[in-house]
Amino acid sequence: MSLAGQLTIKVVLGAGIVNRVTIGSSRLLGVSRVLQGKGVDEALHLLPKLLVLCGKAQLLAGMQAVAAVQGQPLMAREGLLRQVAMESLKEHLWRILLSWPGYVGQTPQPQEVRCVALAQQALNEATEDGLELPPAGWLALGTLLSDYLLGEPVSDWLQRQQPAELARWAHAKQGLAAAMVDHLMYHNLAHAGENEVEALPPLPLLELATLMEDAGFLARPQWQGRCYESSSLTRTCSPLLSALKPLHGNGLLRRTVARLTELCRLFEALRQGDDGALLAALQPFSAAQDGMGVGAVEAARGRLLHRVSLEGQQISHYAILAPTEWNFHPQGVVAQGLAGLQGDRQAVLLQAHHVIESIDPCVGYALTVVEADEEELDG
């Protein structure tokens, strides 16, 4: 098991229908407490080193919370917004490049993954110096998206608006993404994971900050007794996604299209240097009251919140609420999505992996699918 912990997901199957889903977590949710008692500058310096996954988003959320308490402007560092956007682009691409080939009978290509990592490193180094990624970097990343992933220019893919257009593109299978969408359609997986969990709405930050003092809430967050989802699907809008909603709800097909749409939009905004589009995508915001501040940003996997209390220039309290805790709540969107699956054990196992990876936890997971009668014998 990773030092970051993992999720343990168990699906109990009876007569071809999922009877029960349990989700346990060993994630280290209190790691931010090591920042307490440290000076503000030292804490912010440590933050992305302490929380490596989505470290730039973690830093932005923390800087916003601190800046809110101190009454400073929202954006505290030139170029950080672009770094967070590139980080999200990288996280989407890594999930795609590492997971999707196996579903469609292809082999993951290490050189494609390396291309993404190098592009992120180059952008981080460039923006630290107030520069932009060199044209060659954008060309390599654009080629990866257009040739390997989409089979067409990014701008062309973003123009697609109707399900029939999506189906024609998918059936042509020119690129990994098209093969994946065709796989979902051909194997009747477009609806898999569909459920009624709603999108996490804009919440009053100061009320949320009070709840974040409770470790139980940080581990299993609910708002007014309800579970919510926070992901690329819940924050991405397009004519195509709207047209797909009455057909497939929040099942796998719309999730896949939402990830691709957000990925392409982030690439276009970064390539064009459109900070307005990046602000709209990442939605950084903050609030403060009585020496306490909250910072929020839309990270790759959903809404990330940091709560910080200051005594002078020292951290007296630090708490983090990550999207994984909303999405992988024991009664949350993943649990309810898995509860709707049907089929034999192998079919449900495949669908369950699809659903989990489409929502994408920030740690590893262990999945088991057992028959109800086997569980009774084990018990």
Protein backbone atom coordinates (compact mmCIF):
# COMPACT_ATOMS: atom_id res chain seq x y z
CA MET A 1 0.00 0.00 0.00
CA SER A 2 1.22 3.49 -0.85
CA LEU A 3 2.21 5.91 1.89
CA ALA A 4 -0.59 8.07 0.49
CA GLY A 5 -3.06 5.32 1.35
CA GLN A 6 -5.57 3.71 -0.96
CA LEU A 7 -9.24 3.04 -1.50
CA THR A 8 -10.68 -0.43 -0.90
CA ILE A 9 -13.80 -1.03 -2.97
CA LYS A 10 -15.92 -4.17 -2.67
CA VAL A 11 -18.85 -5.01 -4.91
CA VAL A 12 -21.22 -7.80 -3.88
CA LEU A 13 -23.09 -9.41 -6.76
CA GLY A 14 -26.20 -11.59 -6.57
CA ALA A 15 -28.18 -13.05 -9.50
CA GLY A 16 -26.44 -10.72 -11.95
CA ILE A 17 -27.24 -7.56 -9.99
CA VAL A 18 -25.05 -5.59 -7.60
CA ASN A 19 -26.51 -5.99 -4.11
CA ARG A 20 -24.08 -3.90 -2.12
CA VAL A 21 -21.03 -1.65 -2.48
CA THR A 22 -18.60 -0.77 0.28
CA ILE A 23 -15.83 1.83 0.00
CA GLY A 24 -13.11 2.16 2.61
CA SER A 25 -10.21 4.59 2.63
CA SER A 26 -6.78 4.64 4.24
CA ARG A 27 -5.93 8.07 2.80
CA LEU A 28 -3.82 10.23 5.09
CA LEU A 29 -6.22 13.12 5.47
CA GLY A 30 -4.44 14.83 8.35
CA VAL A 31 -1.10 15.34 6.61
CA SER A 32 -1.64 19.11 6.40
CA ARG A 33 -1.38 19.30 10.19
CA VAL A 34 2.41 19.28 9.86
CA LEU A 35 2.07 22.85 8.57
CA GLN A 36 0.60 24.04 11.87
CA GLY A 37 3.00 26.15 13.88
CA LYS A 38 5.07 27.04 10.83
CA GLY A 39 5.48 30.49 9.34
CA VAL A 40 3.34 31.35 6.32
CA ASP A 41 6.21 31.46 3.84
CA GLU A 42 7.67 28.16 5.05
CA ALA A 43 4.26 26.47 4.98
CA LEU A 44 3.54 27.59 1.42
CA HIS A 45 7.01 26.48 0.35
CA LEU A 46 6.40 23.03 1.84
CA LEU A 47 2.85 22.63 0.54
CA PRO A 48 3.56 21.31 -3.01
CA LYS A 49 6.37 19.13 -1.68
CA LEU A 50 4.12 17.64 0.98
CA LEU A 51 1.21 17.13 -1.43
CA VAL A 52 2.91 16.15 -4.66
CA LEU A 53 -0.18 15.07 -6.60
CA CYS A 54 -1.72 18.22 -8.09
CA GLY A 55 0.91 20.16 -6.15
CA LYS A 56 0.38 23.36 -8.15
CA ALA A 57 -3.37 23.31 -7.44
CA GLN A 58 -2.62 22.63 -3.77
CA LEU A 59 -0.28 25.64 -3.73
CA LEU A 60 -2.82 27.91 -5.42
CA ALA A 61 -5.58 26.93 -2.99
CA GLY A 62 -3.26 27.48 -0.03
CA MET A 63 -2.00 30.83 -1.33
CA GLN A 64 -5.57 31.99 -1.84
CA ALA A 65 -6.57 31.04 1.69
CA VAL A 66 -3.57 32.87 3.16
CA ALA A 67 -4.03 35.90 0.88
CA ALA A 68 -7.70 36.12 1.89
CA VAL A 69 -6.79 36.27 5.60
CA GLN A 70 -4.12 38.88 4.89
CA GLY A 71 -6.37 40.96 2.64
CA GLN A 72 -4.09 40.57 -0.38
CA PRO A 73 -5.03 40.16 -4.07
CA LEU A 74 -6.38 36.79 -5.13
CA MET A 75 -3.60 35.77 -7.53
CA ALA A 76 -0.33 35.77 -5.62
CA ARG A 77 2.14 34.57 -8.26
CA GLU A 78 2.50 35.30 -11.96
CA GLY A 79 2.20 32.15 -14.05
CA LEU A 80 0.75 29.90 -11.33
CA LEU A 81 -2.65 29.78 -13.02
CA ARG A 82 -1.05 28.41 -16.18
CA GLN A 83 0.91 25.87 -14.16
CA VAL A 84 -2.28 24.62 -12.50
CA ALA A 85 -3.99 24.34 -15.89
CA MET A 86 -1.05 22.40 -17.34
CA GLU A 87 -1.08 20.15 -14.29
CA SER A 88 -4.77 19.37 -14.89
CA LEU A 89 -4.10 18.75 -18.57
CA LYS A 90 -1.30 16.36 -17.61
CA GLU A 91 -3.46 14.50 -15.09
CA HIS A 92 -6.22 13.99 -17.67
CA LEU A 93 -3.73 12.80 -20.26
CA TRP A 94 -1.99 10.41 -17.90
CA ARG A 95 -5.27 8.76 -16.96
CA ILE A 96 -6.16 8.46 -20.65
CA LEU A 97 -2.77 7.22 -21.84
CA LEU A 98 -2.34 4.70 -19.03
CA SER A 99 -5.90 3.34 -18.80
CA TRP A 100 -7.69 3.62 -22.13
CA PRO A 101 -5.37 1.49 -24.32
CA GLY A 102 -6.07 -1.59 -22.23
CA TYR A 103 -9.83 -1.23 -22.74
CA VAL A 104 -9.53 -1.10 -26.54
CA GLY A 105 -6.87 -3.76 -27.07
CA GLN A 106 -3.90 -1.43 -27.43
CA THR A 107 -0.65 -1.14 -25.50
CA PRO A 108 0.15 2.00 -23.47
CA GLN A 109 2.85 4.02 -25.17
CA PRO A 110 5.55 5.18 -22.71
CA GLN A 111 6.84 7.76 -25.17
CA GLU A 112 3.46 9.49 -25.23
CA VAL A 113 3.39 9.66 -21.41
CA ARG A 114 6.94 11.03 -21.43
CA CYS A 115 5.90 13.72 -23.91
CA VAL A 116 3.24 14.97 -21.49
CA ALA A 117 5.62 14.97 -18.51
CA LEU A 118 8.26 16.89 -20.45
CA ALA A 119 5.72 19.46 -21.64
CA GLN A 120 4.56 20.09 -18.08
CA GLN A 121 8.13 20.41 -16.83
CA ALA A 122 8.96 22.87 -19.61
CA LEU A 123 5.89 24.99 -18.89
CA ASN A 124 6.59 25.05 -15.16
CA GLU A 125 10.16 26.17 -15.77
CA ALA A 126 9.09 28.76 -18.35
CA THR A 127 6.35 30.31 -16.22
CA GLU A 128 8.62 30.45 -13.17
CA ASP A 129 10.79 32.80 -15.26
CA GLY A 130 7.83 34.72 -16.68
CA LEU A 131 8.21 33.05 -20.07
CA GLU A 132 5.99 30.82 -22.19
CA LEU A 133 6.43 27.24 -23.37
CA PRO A 134 8.52 27.29 -26.59
CA PRO A 135 6.62 26.70 -29.84
CA ALA A 136 8.26 23.30 -30.20
CA GLY A 137 6.73 22.25 -26.89
CA TRP A 138 3.22 23.20 -27.98
CA LEU A 139 3.80 21.51 -31.34
CA ALA A 140 4.79 18.22 -29.68
CA LEU A 141 1.82 18.32 -27.31
CA GLY A 142 -0.57 19.36 -30.07
CA THR A 143 0.65 16.50 -32.26
CA LEU A 144 0.07 14.06 -29.44
CA LEU A 145 -3.51 15.28 -29.06
CA SER A 146 -4.41 15.59 -32.73
CA ASP A 147 -2.61 12.56 -34.18
CA TYR A 148 -2.55 9.97 -31.40
CA LEU A 149 -5.58 10.85 -29.28
CA LEU A 150 -8.23 12.54 -31.46
CA GLY A 151 -7.29 11.73 -35.05
CA GLU A 152 -8.04 15.35 -36.00
CA PRO A 153 -7.12 18.90 -34.91
CA VAL A 154 -8.18 19.86 -31.41
CA SER A 155 -10.21 22.82 -32.69
CA ASP A 156 -12.15 20.53 -35.05
CA TRP A 157 -13.02 18.10 -32.26
CA LEU A 158 -14.37 20.92 -30.11
CA GLN A 159 -16.81 21.90 -32.87
CA ARG A 160 -18.71 18.61 -32.68
CA GLN A 161 -22.21 19.21 -31.24
CA GLN A 162 -24.51 16.25 -31.92
CA PRO A 163 -24.45 12.60 -30.78
CA ALA A 164 -24.64 11.41 -34.38
CA GLU A 165 -21.47 13.37 -35.19
CA LEU A 166 -19.75 11.81 -32.19
CA ALA A 167 -20.81 8.32 -33.29
CA ARG A 168 -19.46 8.81 -36.83
CA TRP A 169 -16.14 10.05 -35.47
CA ALA A 170 -15.94 7.13 -33.02
CA HIS A 171 -16.73 4.48 -35.62
CA ALA A 172 -13.86 5.73 -37.78
CA LYS A 173 -11.51 4.90 -34.88
CA GLN A 174 -8.86 7.37 -35.95
CA GLY A 175 -7.14 7.79 -32.60
CA LEU A 176 -7.25 6.36 -29.10
CA ALA A 177 -10.16 8.53 -27.95
CA ALA A 178 -12.34 7.49 -30.88
CA ALA A 179 -11.56 3.84 -30.18
CA MET A 180 -12.53 4.35 -26.53
CA VAL A 181 -15.85 6.02 -27.35
CA ASP A 182 -16.62 3.31 -29.92
CA HIS A 183 -15.79 0.68 -27.29
CA LEU A 184 -18.33 2.21 -24.89
CA MET A 185 -21.01 2.33 -27.58
CA TYR A 186 -20.35 -1.14 -29.04
CA HIS A 187 -20.32 -2.86 -25.64
CA ASN A 188 -23.39 -0.99 -24.36
CA LEU A 189 -21.39 0.77 -21.67
CA ALA A 190 -22.53 4.30 -22.42
CA HIS A 191 -25.00 4.17 -19.50
CA ALA A 192 -22.74 2.26 -17.10
CA GLY A 193 -22.42 3.98 -13.74
CA GLU A 194 -25.44 6.23 -14.31
CA ASN A 195 -27.02 7.49 -11.07
CA GLU A 196 -28.88 10.44 -9.56
CA VAL A 197 -26.08 12.09 -7.56
CA GLU A 198 -26.04 15.80 -8.38
CA ALA A 199 -23.16 18.16 -9.06
CA LEU A 200 -21.57 19.83 -6.06
CA PRO A 201 -23.13 23.32 -6.07
CA PRO A 202 -21.33 26.55 -5.18
CA LEU A 203 -21.23 26.40 -1.40
CA PRO A 204 -20.88 29.26 1.10
CA LEU A 205 -17.18 29.04 1.88
CA LEU A 206 -17.37 30.35 5.42
CA GLU A 207 -20.05 27.82 6.39
CA LEU A 208 -17.99 25.11 4.75
CA ALA A 209 -14.92 26.30 6.65
CA THR A 210 -16.70 25.68 9.94
CA LEU A 211 -17.48 22.11 8.88
CA MET A 212 -13.84 21.61 7.88
CA GLU A 213 -12.83 21.86 11.53
CA ASP A 214 -14.36 18.38 11.93
CA ALA A 215 -12.13 15.47 10.86
CA GLY A 216 -15.22 13.35 10.28
CA PHE A 217 -16.53 15.83 7.72
CA LEU A 218 -13.17 15.92 5.92
CA ALA A 219 -13.24 12.13 5.63
CA ARG A 220 -16.89 11.80 4.53
CA PRO A 221 -18.25 15.18 3.43
CA GLN A 222 -21.93 15.81 2.86
CA TRP A 223 -23.84 19.06 2.47
CA GLN A 224 -27.18 19.26 4.25
CA GLY A 225 -27.23 15.47 4.51
CA ARG A 226 -26.58 14.79 0.81
CA CYS A 227 -23.65 13.48 -1.20
CA TYR A 228 -22.47 15.37 -4.27
CA GLU A 229 -20.11 14.88 -7.18
CA SER A 230 -17.20 17.15 -8.12
CA SER A 231 -15.43 16.21 -11.37
CA SER A 232 -14.75 17.31 -14.93
CA LEU A 233 -18.30 16.21 -15.82
CA THR A 234 -19.96 18.47 -13.25
CA ARG A 235 -18.09 21.61 -14.34
CA THR A 236 -17.89 21.16 -18.14
CA CYS A 237 -20.66 22.42 -20.41
CA SER A 238 -20.99 22.12 -24.19
CA PRO A 239 -23.74 21.59 -26.77
CA LEU A 240 -22.56 18.00 -27.22
CA LEU A 241 -22.68 17.22 -23.51
CA SER A 242 -26.13 18.79 -23.27
CA ALA A 243 -27.36 16.68 -26.19
CA LEU A 244 -25.94 13.51 -24.62
CA LYS A 245 -27.48 14.12 -21.18
CA PRO A 246 -31.04 12.92 -21.87
CA LEU A 247 -29.62 9.90 -23.69
CA HIS A 248 -26.93 8.76 -21.23
CA GLY A 249 -27.26 10.77 -18.01
CA ASN A 250 -24.02 10.81 -16.07
CA GLY A 251 -22.91 7.43 -17.41
CA LEU A 252 -19.54 6.55 -18.89
CA LEU A 253 -20.05 8.10 -22.32
CA ARG A 254 -20.76 11.61 -21.03
CA ARG A 255 -17.91 11.32 -18.53
CA THR A 256 -15.53 10.39 -21.32
CA VAL A 257 -16.70 13.25 -23.54
CA ALA A 258 -16.44 15.71 -20.62
CA ARG A 259 -12.84 14.70 -19.93
CA LEU A 260 -11.92 15.09 -23.60
CA THR A 261 -13.71 18.44 -23.83
CA GLU A 262 -11.96 19.86 -20.77
CA LEU A 263 -8.61 18.51 -21.93
CA CYS A 264 -8.96 20.15 -25.35
CA ARG A 265 -10.14 23.45 -23.91
CA LEU A 266 -7.25 23.60 -21.46
CA PHE A 267 -4.79 22.94 -24.27
CA GLU A 268 -6.29 25.66 -26.47
CA ALA A 269 -6.39 28.20 -23.64
CA LEU A 270 -2.79 27.46 -22.65
CA ARG A 271 -1.51 27.52 -26.22
CA GLN A 272 -3.23 30.84 -26.90
CA GLY A 273 -2.26 32.38 -23.55
CA ASP A 274 -5.93 32.99 -22.74
CA ASP A 275 -5.84 33.62 -18.98
CA GLY A 276 -9.53 34.57 -19.02
CA ALA A 277 -10.45 31.09 -20.25
CA LEU A 278 -8.16 29.54 -17.64
CA LEU A 279 -9.80 31.55 -14.86
CA ALA A 280 -13.21 30.36 -16.07
CA ALA A 281 -12.00 26.75 -16.12
CA LEU A 282 -10.17 26.70 -12.78
CA GLN A 283 -12.58 28.99 -10.87
CA PRO A 284 -10.20 30.11 -8.09
CA PHE A 285 -11.98 31.93 -5.28
CA SER A 286 -11.59 32.62 -1.58
CA ALA A 287 -13.19 34.09 1.53
CA ALA A 288 -11.99 35.10 4.99
CA GLN A 289 -13.31 35.96 8.41
CA ASP A 290 -11.75 36.51 11.85
CA GLY A 291 -8.24 35.29 11.02
CA MET A 292 -9.45 32.30 9.00
CA GLY A 293 -9.42 31.96 5.22
CA VAL A 294 -10.60 29.41 2.67
CA GLY A 295 -9.20 29.01 -0.84
CA ALA A 296 -10.76 26.90 -3.58
CA VAL A 297 -9.74 25.85 -7.09
CA GLU A 298 -11.00 23.32 -9.61
CA ALA A 299 -8.15 20.80 -9.72
CA ALA A 300 -7.98 17.92 -12.20
CA ARG A 301 -10.29 15.65 -10.21
CA GLY A 302 -12.68 18.26 -8.82
CA ARG A 303 -12.99 21.11 -6.35
CA LEU A 304 -10.10 21.43 -3.92
CA LEU A 305 -10.47 23.48 -0.72
CA HIS A 306 -7.87 24.65 1.79
CA ARG A 307 -8.77 26.18 5.15
CA VAL A 308 -6.13 28.08 7.11
CA SER A 309 -6.13 30.02 10.39
CA LEU A 310 -3.33 32.46 11.19
CA GLU A 311 -1.96 33.88 14.39
CA GLY A 312 0.22 36.70 13.16
CA GLN A 313 2.45 35.12 10.52
CA GLN A 314 2.11 31.57 11.84
CA ILE A 315 -0.27 28.79 10.83
CA SER A 316 -2.47 27.78 13.76
CA HIS A 317 -4.78 25.44 11.85
CA TYR A 318 -4.69 23.88 8.37
CA ALA A 319 -7.24 21.56 6.76
CA ILE A 320 -7.77 20.27 3.22
CA LEU A 321 -10.91 18.91 1.59
CA ALA A 322 -10.12 17.05 -1.64
CA PRO A 323 -12.62 15.99 -4.34
CA THR A 324 -11.85 12.31 -3.75
CA GLU A 325 -13.69 12.48 -0.43
CA TRP A 326 -16.84 13.78 -2.12
CA ASN A 327 -16.71 11.36 -5.04
CA PHE A 328 -15.67 8.24 -3.11
CA HIS A 329 -17.90 8.80 -0.11
CA PRO A 330 -19.41 5.43 0.93
CA GLN A 331 -22.81 6.68 -0.32
CA GLY A 332 -21.42 8.97 -3.03
CA VAL A 333 -21.39 9.03 -6.80
CA VAL A 334 -19.01 6.09 -7.26
CA ALA A 335 -20.84 3.89 -4.76
CA GLN A 336 -24.19 4.68 -6.37
CA GLY A 337 -22.78 4.25 -9.86
CA LEU A 338 -21.40 0.83 -9.02
CA ALA A 339 -24.68 -0.15 -7.37
CA GLY A 340 -26.43 0.15 -10.75
CA LEU A 341 -24.19 -2.34 -12.59
CA GLN A 342 -25.47 -5.66 -13.91
CA GLY A 343 -23.93 -8.76 -15.47
CA ASP A 344 -21.73 -11.68 -14.48
CA ARG A 345 -18.68 -11.21 -12.28
CA GLN A 346 -16.25 -10.51 -15.13
CA ALA A 347 -18.60 -8.03 -16.81
CA VAL A 348 -19.24 -6.17 -13.55
CA LEU A 349 -15.52 -6.13 -12.75
CA LEU A 350 -14.76 -4.49 -16.12
CA GLN A 351 -17.58 -1.97 -15.75
CA ALA A 352 -16.53 -1.15 -12.20
CA HIS A 353 -12.96 -0.37 -13.27
CA HIS A 354 -14.37 1.84 -16.02
CA VAL A 355 -16.57 3.77 -13.58
CA ILE A 356 -13.87 4.22 -10.95
CA GLU A 357 -11.25 5.39 -13.43
CA SER A 358 -13.67 7.72 -15.20
CA ILE A 359 -14.09 9.62 -11.91
CA ASP A 360 -10.44 9.01 -11.01
CA PRO A 361 -9.33 8.81 -7.38
CA CYS A 362 -6.13 10.60 -6.43
CA VAL A 363 -4.72 7.41 -4.90
CA GLY A 364 -4.60 3.76 -5.90
CA TYR A 365 -7.53 1.47 -5.30
CA ALA A 366 -8.13 -2.23 -4.69
CA LEU A 367 -11.33 -3.57 -6.26
CA THR A 368 -12.98 -6.91 -5.58
CA VAL A 369 -16.22 -8.31 -6.98
CA VAL A 370 -17.70 -11.26 -5.08
CA GLU A 371 -20.87 -13.28 -5.35
CA ALA A 372 -23.27 -12.88 -2.44
CA ASP A 373 -23.19 -16.60 -1.60
CA GLU A 374 -19.37 -16.57 -1.49
CA GLU A 375 -19.44 -13.64 0.93
CA GLU A 376 -21.81 -15.53 3.20
CA LEU A 377 -19.42 -18.50 3.24
CA ASP A 378 -16.48 -16.19 4.01
CA GLY A 379 -18.47 -14.61 6.82
